[in-house]
Amino acid sequence: MLGVRRPGVTIALQTLEGQGLIRSMRGEVVILDRARLIALADGSYGRAEAEYARLVGKLH
């Protein structure tokens, strides 16, 4: 669904797990440190949600 090759996703998950930000298991990703993930996103977090809300309406 992301439009990326599977090896790229695996490497990204391994990198985030190595930094202690997530725990990744088959078919499941657990967020361990949301604040650090948002900081790592460097301003890009929430853009997709904001655009969806603008186009379709509120998420909830």
PDB file of N, CA and C in Angstrom:
ATOM      1  N   MET A   1       0.799  -1.203   0.000  1.00  0.00           N
ATOM      2  CA  MET A   1       0.000   0.000   0.000  1.00  0.00           C
ATOM      3  C   MET A   1       0.840   1.264   0.000  1.00  0.00           C
ATOM      4  N   LEU A   2       2.070   1.179   0.441  1.00  0.00           N
ATOM      5  CA  LEU A   2       2.909   2.368   0.508  1.00  0.00           C
ATOM      6  C   LEU A   2       3.565   2.696  -0.824  1.00  0.00           C
ATOM      7  N   GLY A   3       3.541   1.773  -1.756  1.00  0.00           N
ATOM      8  CA  GLY A   3       4.176   2.006  -3.042  1.00  0.00           C
ATOM      9  C   GLY A   3       5.690   1.937  -2.982  1.00  0.00           C
ATOM     10  N   VAL A   4       6.217   1.154  -2.066  1.00  0.00           N
ATOM     11  CA  VAL A   4       7.662   0.989  -1.948  1.00  0.00           C
ATOM     12  C   VAL A   4       7.996  -0.500  -1.980  1.00  0.00           C
ATOM     13  N   ARG A   5       9.215  -0.793  -2.322  1.00  0.00           N
ATOM     14  CA  ARG A   5       9.651  -2.189  -2.345  1.00  0.00           C
ATOM     15  C   ARG A   5       9.786  -2.717  -0.924  1.00  0.00           C
ATOM     16  N   ARG A   6       9.474  -3.954  -0.736  1.00  0.00           N
ATOM     17  CA  ARG A   6       9.517  -4.596   0.577  1.00  0.00           C
ATOM     18  C   ARG A   6      10.885  -4.473   1.258  1.00  0.00           C
ATOM     19  N   PRO A   7      12.013  -4.659   0.548  1.00  0.00           N
ATOM     20  CA  PRO A   7      13.306  -4.514   1.231  1.00  0.00           C
ATOM     21  C   PRO A   7      13.489  -3.129   1.858  1.00  0.00           C
ATOM     22  N   GLY A   8      12.973  -2.095   1.212  1.00  0.00           N
ATOM     23  CA  GLY A   8      13.082  -0.751   1.771  1.00  0.00           C
ATOM     24  C   GLY A   8      12.304  -0.611   3.064  1.00  0.00           C
ATOM     25  N   VAL A   9      11.140  -1.231   3.114  1.00  0.00           N
ATOM     26  CA  VAL A   9      10.328  -1.203   4.332  1.00  0.00           C
ATOM     27  C   VAL A   9      11.049  -1.953   5.446  1.00  0.00           C
ATOM     28  N   THR A  10      11.605  -3.105   5.121  1.00  0.00           N
ATOM     29  CA  THR A  10      12.317  -3.908   6.120  1.00  0.00           C
ATOM     30  C   THR A  10      13.491  -3.133   6.701  1.00  0.00           C
ATOM     31  N   ILE A  11      14.250  -2.476   5.848  1.00  0.00           N
ATOM     32  CA  ILE A  11      15.407  -1.697   6.325  1.00  0.00           C
ATOM     33  C   ILE A  11      14.944  -0.551   7.220  1.00  0.00           C
ATOM     34  N   ALA A  12      13.880   0.139   6.821  1.00  0.00           N
ATOM     35  CA  ALA A  12      13.366   1.245   7.634  1.00  0.00           C
ATOM     36  C   ALA A  12      12.894   0.734   8.997  1.00  0.00           C
ATOM     37  N   LEU A  13      12.178  -0.381   9.012  1.00  0.00           N
ATOM     38  CA  LEU A  13      11.711  -0.943  10.283  1.00  0.00           C
ATOM     39  C   LEU A  13      12.888  -1.345  11.168  1.00  0.00           C
ATOM     40  N   GLN A  14      13.897  -1.966  10.579  1.00  0.00           N
ATOM     41  CA  GLN A  14      15.075  -2.364  11.347  1.00  0.00           C
ATOM     42  C   GLN A  14      15.802  -1.157  11.927  1.00  0.00           C
ATOM     43  N   THR A  15      15.885  -0.094  11.156  1.00  0.00           N
ATOM     44  CA  THR A  15      16.542   1.125  11.618  1.00  0.00           C
ATOM     45  C   THR A  15      15.786   1.727  12.798  1.00  0.00           C
ATOM     46  N   LEU A  16      14.476   1.847  12.667  1.00  0.00           N
ATOM     47  CA  LEU A  16      13.664   2.416  13.750  1.00  0.00           C
ATOM     48  C   LEU A  16      13.693   1.523  14.987  1.00  0.00           C
ATOM     49  N   GLU A  17      13.699   0.223  14.771  1.00  0.00           N
ATOM     50  CA  GLU A  17      13.771  -0.703  15.905  1.00  0.00           C
ATOM     51  C   GLU A  17      15.129  -0.603  16.602  1.00  0.00           C
ATOM     52  N   GLY A  18      16.179  -0.463  15.821  1.00  0.00           N
ATOM     53  CA  GLY A  18      17.526  -0.316  16.378  1.00  0.00           C
ATOM     54  C   GLY A  18      17.668   0.937  17.223  1.00  0.00           C
ATOM     55  N   GLN A  19      16.889   1.965  16.904  1.00  0.00           N
ATOM     56  CA  GLN A  19      16.904   3.210  17.675  1.00  0.00           C
ATOM     57  C   GLN A  19      15.965   3.151  18.878  1.00  0.00           C
ATOM     58  N   GLY A  20      15.272   2.032  19.052  1.00  0.00           N
ATOM     59  CA  GLY A  20      14.374   1.877  20.192  1.00  0.00           C
ATOM     60  C   GLY A  20      13.049   2.616  20.053  1.00  0.00           C
ATOM     61  N   LEU A  21      12.686   2.966  18.813  1.00  0.00           N
ATOM     62  CA  LEU A  21      11.463   3.731  18.594  1.00  0.00           C
ATOM     63  C   LEU A  21      10.242   2.842  18.381  1.00  0.00           C
ATOM     64  N   ILE A  22      10.463   1.659  17.822  1.00  0.00           N
ATOM     65  CA  ILE A  22       9.374   0.718  17.559  1.00  0.00           C
ATOM     66  C   ILE A  22       9.819  -0.688  17.917  1.00  0.00           C
ATOM     67  N   ARG A  23       8.853  -1.600  17.957  1.00  0.00           N
ATOM     68  CA  ARG A  23       9.132  -3.029  18.005  1.00  0.00           C
ATOM     69  C   ARG A  23       8.375  -3.620  16.822  1.00  0.00           C
ATOM     70  N   SER A  24       9.057  -4.358  15.986  1.00  0.00           N
ATOM     71  CA  SER A  24       8.464  -4.887  14.766  1.00  0.00           C
ATOM     72  C   SER A  24       8.403  -6.399  14.828  1.00  0.00           C
ATOM     73  N   MET A  25       7.215  -6.933  14.554  1.00  0.00           N
ATOM     74  CA  MET A  25       7.008  -8.371  14.474  1.00  0.00           C
ATOM     75  C   MET A  25       6.217  -8.640  13.200  1.00  0.00           C
ATOM     76  N   ARG A  26       6.134  -9.860  12.802  1.00  0.00           N
ATOM     77  CA  ARG A  26       5.407 -10.211  11.573  1.00  0.00           C
ATOM     78  C   ARG A  26       3.975  -9.681  11.635  1.00  0.00           C
ATOM     79  N   GLY A  27       3.661  -8.741  10.752  1.00  0.00           N
ATOM     80  CA  GLY A  27       2.310  -8.200  10.665  1.00  0.00           C
ATOM     81  C   GLY A  27       1.941  -7.208  11.747  1.00  0.00           C
ATOM     82  N   GLU A  28       2.911  -6.760  12.542  1.00  0.00           N
ATOM     83  CA  GLU A  28       2.603  -5.847  13.648  1.00  0.00           C
ATOM     84  C   GLU A  28       3.777  -4.918  13.919  1.00  0.00           C
ATOM     85  N   VAL A  29       3.472  -3.655  14.149  1.00  0.00           N
ATOM     86  CA  VAL A  29       4.482  -2.677  14.556  1.00  0.00           C
ATOM     87  C   VAL A  29       3.959  -1.998  15.811  1.00  0.00           C
ATOM     88  N   VAL A  30       4.752  -2.016  16.873  1.00  0.00           N
ATOM     89  CA  VAL A  30       4.379  -1.392  18.142  1.00  0.00           C
ATOM     90  C   VAL A  30       5.226  -0.138  18.328  1.00  0.00           C
ATOM     91  N   ILE A  31       4.567   0.979  18.560  1.00  0.00           N
ATOM     92  CA  ILE A  31       5.264   2.247  18.789  1.00  0.00           C
ATOM     93  C   ILE A  31       5.736   2.280  20.240  1.00  0.00           C
ATOM     94  N   LEU A  32       7.024   2.449  20.436  1.00  0.00           N
ATOM     95  CA  LEU A  32       7.591   2.504  21.781  1.00  0.00           C
ATOM     96  C   LEU A  32       7.857   3.932  22.242  1.00  0.00           C
ATOM     97  N   ASP A  33       8.211   4.808  21.322  1.00  0.00           N
ATOM     98  CA  ASP A  33       8.534   6.187  21.677  1.00  0.00           C
ATOM     99  C   ASP A  33       7.960   7.144  20.631  1.00  0.00           C
ATOM    100  N   ARG A  34       6.687   7.476  20.785  1.00  0.00           N
ATOM    101  CA  ARG A  34       5.973   8.312  19.809  1.00  0.00           C
ATOM    102  C   ARG A  34       6.600   9.701  19.678  1.00  0.00           C
ATOM    103  N   ALA A  35       6.980  10.291  20.778  1.00  0.00           N
ATOM    104  CA  ALA A  35       7.559  11.640  20.751  1.00  0.00           C
ATOM    105  C   ALA A  35       8.831  11.677  19.904  1.00  0.00           C
ATOM    106  N   ARG A  36       9.692  10.690  20.064  1.00  0.00           N
ATOM    107  CA  ARG A  36      10.928  10.645  19.270  1.00  0.00           C
ATOM    108  C   ARG A  36      10.646  10.351  17.797  1.00  0.00           C
ATOM    109  N   LEU A  37       9.629   9.544  17.517  1.00  0.00           N
ATOM    110  CA  LEU A  37       9.246   9.286  16.125  1.00  0.00           C
ATOM    111  C   LEU A  37       8.778  10.571  15.451  1.00  0.00           C
ATOM    112  N   ILE A  38       7.961  11.347  16.154  1.00  0.00           N
ATOM    113  CA  ILE A  38       7.472  12.617  15.611  1.00  0.00           C
ATOM    114  C   ILE A  38       8.641  13.577  15.382  1.00  0.00           C
ATOM    115  N   ALA A  39       9.568  13.626  16.326  1.00  0.00           N
ATOM    116  CA  ALA A  39      10.738  14.490  16.166  1.00  0.00           C
ATOM    117  C   ALA A  39      11.580  14.044  14.967  1.00  0.00           C
ATOM    118  N   LEU A  40      11.726  12.737  14.790  1.00  0.00           N
ATOM    119  CA  LEU A  40      12.495  12.196  13.675  1.00  0.00           C
ATOM    120  C   LEU A  40      11.843  12.543  12.339  1.00  0.00           C
ATOM    121  N   ALA A  41      10.520  12.639  12.307  1.00  0.00           N
ATOM    122  CA  ALA A  41       9.794  12.977  11.079  1.00  0.00           C
ATOM    123  C   ALA A  41      10.082  14.411  10.632  1.00  0.00           C
ATOM    124  N   ASP A  42      10.605  15.225  11.517  1.00  0.00           N
ATOM    125  CA  ASP A  42      11.082  16.578  11.204  1.00  0.00           C
ATOM    126  C   ASP A  42      10.041  17.433  10.459  1.00  0.00           C
ATOM    127  N   GLY A  43       8.841  17.480  11.024  1.00  0.00           N
ATOM    128  CA  GLY A  43       7.812  18.346  10.462  1.00  0.00           C
ATOM    129  C   GLY A  43       6.874  17.687   9.469  1.00  0.00           C
ATOM    130  N   SER A  44       7.167  16.465   9.047  1.00  0.00           N
ATOM    131  CA  SER A  44       6.290  15.817   8.067  1.00  0.00           C
ATOM    132  C   SER A  44       5.165  15.022   8.718  1.00  0.00           C
ATOM    133  N   TYR A  45       5.229  14.795  10.005  1.00  0.00           N
ATOM    134  CA  TYR A  45       4.181  14.044  10.695  1.00  0.00           C
ATOM    135  C   TYR A  45       2.869  14.815  10.665  1.00  0.00           C
ATOM    136  N   GLY A  46       1.806  14.128  10.306  1.00  0.00           N
ATOM    137  CA  GLY A  46       0.478  14.727  10.329  1.00  0.00           C
ATOM    138  C   GLY A  46       0.037  15.368   9.034  1.00  0.00           C
ATOM    139  N   ARG A  47       0.928  15.520   8.075  1.00  0.00           N
ATOM    140  CA  ARG A  47       0.558  16.171   6.814  1.00  0.00           C
ATOM    141  C   ARG A  47      -0.510  15.384   6.058  1.00  0.00           C
ATOM    142  N   ALA A  48      -0.349  14.073   5.978  1.00  0.00           N
ATOM    143  CA  ALA A  48      -1.337  13.251   5.265  1.00  0.00           C
ATOM    144  C   ALA A  48      -2.695  13.324   5.939  1.00  0.00           C
ATOM    145  N   GLU A  49      -2.698  13.275   7.265  1.00  0.00           N
ATOM    146  CA  GLU A  49      -3.953  13.359   8.007  1.00  0.00           C
ATOM    147  C   GLU A  49      -4.618  14.710   7.819  1.00  0.00           C
ATOM    148  N   ALA A  50      -3.832  15.770   7.806  1.00  0.00           N
ATOM    149  CA  ALA A  50      -4.378  17.111   7.618  1.00  0.00           C
ATOM    150  C   ALA A  50      -4.968  17.265   6.218  1.00  0.00           C
ATOM    151  N   GLU A  51      -4.303  16.712   5.222  1.00  0.00           N
ATOM    152  CA  GLU A  51      -4.810  16.790   3.851  1.00  0.00           C
ATOM    153  C   GLU A  51      -6.103  15.982   3.715  1.00  0.00           C
ATOM    154  N   TYR A  52      -6.140  14.809   4.321  1.00  0.00           N
ATOM    155  CA  TYR A  52      -7.352  13.989   4.296  1.00  0.00           C
ATOM    156  C   TYR A  52      -8.504  14.739   4.944  1.00  0.00           C
ATOM    157  N   ALA A  53      -8.258  15.324   6.100  1.00  0.00           N
ATOM    158  CA  ALA A  53      -9.301  16.088   6.803  1.00  0.00           C
ATOM    159  C   ALA A  53      -9.776  17.271   5.951  1.00  0.00           C
ATOM    160  N   ARG A  54      -8.846  17.909   5.261  1.00  0.00           N
ATOM    161  CA  ARG A  54      -9.206  19.044   4.402  1.00  0.00           C
ATOM    162  C   ARG A  54     -10.102  18.598   3.251  1.00  0.00           C
ATOM    163  N   LEU A  55      -9.780  17.461   2.643  1.00  0.00           N
ATOM    164  CA  LEU A  55     -10.503  16.981   1.480  1.00  0.00           C
ATOM    165  C   LEU A  55     -11.814  16.272   1.818  1.00  0.00           C
ATOM    166  N   VAL A  56     -11.798  15.468   2.871  1.00  0.00           N
ATOM    167  CA  VAL A  56     -12.928  14.588   3.171  1.00  0.00           C
ATOM    168  C   VAL A  56     -13.692  15.020   4.415  1.00  0.00           C
ATOM    169  N   GLY A  57     -12.997  15.571   5.350  1.00  0.00           N
ATOM    170  CA  GLY A  57     -13.613  15.939   6.624  1.00  0.00           C
ATOM    171  C   GLY A  57     -12.805  15.367   7.764  1.00  0.00           C
ATOM    172  N   LYS A  58     -13.253  15.602   8.928  1.00  0.00           N
ATOM    173  CA  LYS A  58     -12.538  15.144  10.128  1.00  0.00           C
ATOM    174  C   LYS A  58     -12.408  13.622  10.120  1.00  0.00           C
ATOM    175  N   LEU A  59     -11.310  13.150  10.739  1.00  0.00           N
ATOM    176  CA  LEU A  59     -11.047  11.716  10.805  1.00  0.00           C
ATOM    177  C   LEU A  59     -12.010  11.017  11.754  1.00  0.00           C
ATOM    178  N   HIS A  60     -12.437  11.679  12.765  1.00  0.00           N
ATOM    179  CA  HIS A  60     -13.316  11.031  13.765  1.00  0.00           C
ATOM    180  C   HIS A  60     -14.641  11.730  13.836  1.00  0.00           C
TER     181      HIS A  60
END
